[in-house]
Protein backbone atom coordinates (compact mmCIF):
# COMPACT_ATOMS: atom_id res chain seq x y z
CA MET A 1 17.24 -30.88 -5.28
CA SER A 2 15.92 -34.37 -4.66
CA SER A 3 12.23 -35.09 -3.90
CA ALA A 4 13.09 -35.92 -0.37
CA SER A 5 14.60 -32.70 0.45
CA SER A 6 11.90 -30.58 -1.16
CA CYS A 7 9.54 -32.64 0.72
CA LEU A 8 10.98 -31.84 4.03
CA LEU A 9 11.30 -28.11 3.09
CA TRP A 10 7.69 -27.50 1.91
CA PRO A 11 6.38 -26.48 5.35
CA PHE A 12 9.02 -23.71 5.41
CA LYS A 13 8.04 -22.82 1.93
CA ALA A 14 4.41 -22.40 2.76
CA LEU A 15 5.23 -20.47 5.87
CA TRP A 16 7.42 -18.10 3.94
CA ARG A 17 4.70 -17.70 1.34
CA MET A 18 2.03 -16.88 3.95
CA VAL A 19 4.34 -14.32 5.70
CA ALA A 20 5.06 -12.59 2.37
CA PHE A 21 1.31 -12.49 1.54
CA VAL A 22 0.55 -10.93 5.00
CA PHE A 23 3.26 -8.24 4.37
CA GLU A 24 2.01 -7.56 0.84
CA LEU A 25 -1.54 -7.34 2.12
CA THR A 26 -0.43 -4.94 4.94
CA GLY A 27 1.52 -2.82 2.64
CA ARG A 28 -1.62 -2.35 0.34
CA LEU A 29 -3.72 -1.44 3.29
CA VAL A 30 -1.16 1.05 4.49
CA ALA A 31 -1.05 2.67 1.02
CA ILE A 32 -4.89 2.85 0.81
CA VAL A 33 -5.21 4.48 4.24
CA LEU A 34 -2.36 6.91 3.67
CA GLY A 35 -3.67 8.10 0.36
CA LEU A 36 -7.16 8.55 1.87
CA VAL A 37 -5.59 10.80 4.62
CA LEU A 38 -3.47 12.62 1.83
CA MET A 39 -6.74 13.29 -0.13
CA ILE A 40 -8.54 14.62 2.80
CA LEU A 41 -5.72 16.79 3.83
CA GLY A 42 -5.32 18.03 0.26
CA VAL A 43 -9.10 18.80 0.03
CA LEU A 44 -8.77 20.81 3.27
CA ALA A 45 -5.90 22.68 2.32
CA SER A 46 -7.27 23.50 -1.14
CA LEU A 47 -10.22 25.35 0.65
CA THR A 48 -8.01 28.47 0.75
CA VAL A 49 -6.38 30.01 -2.34
CA VAL A 50 -2.87 29.70 -0.85
CA GLY A 51 -3.24 26.08 0.31
CA ALA A 52 -4.49 25.11 -3.26
CA VAL A 53 -0.85 25.11 -4.40
CA VAL A 54 -0.04 22.40 -1.84
CA GLY A 55 -3.59 20.87 -1.67
CA ILE A 56 -3.94 19.97 -5.13
CA PRO A 57 -0.63 17.88 -5.50
CA MET A 58 -1.55 16.23 -2.24
CA VAL A 59 -4.85 15.18 -3.62
CA LEU A 60 -3.08 13.61 -6.83
CA LEU A 61 -0.56 11.94 -4.62
CA GLY A 62 -3.31 10.48 -2.45
CA LEU A 63 -5.20 9.28 -5.52
CA MET A 64 -2.07 7.62 -6.98
CA LEU A 65 -1.50 5.80 -3.68
CA ILE A 66 -5.16 4.48 -3.40
CA VAL A 67 -4.82 3.38 -7.01
CA ARG A 68 -1.47 1.69 -6.34
CA GLY A 69 -3.02 0.16 -3.30
CA PHE A 70 -5.87 -1.53 -5.15
CA PHE A 71 -3.84 -2.64 -8.27
């Protein structure tokens, strides 16, 4: 590609990078919020003996989503 065409395309490349950054940031935020909700529901379910079978894996899944959202 010549320098003239890359000079003409830089606004589109910058816009594409900005949109990709916003989507990545939104995805991370959704993962963190969903992980927090799963952790809260898992703790509430674990208050009963029967619910602990489902609650503990929910807490672990929520924790993994939060870690994935931050890193």
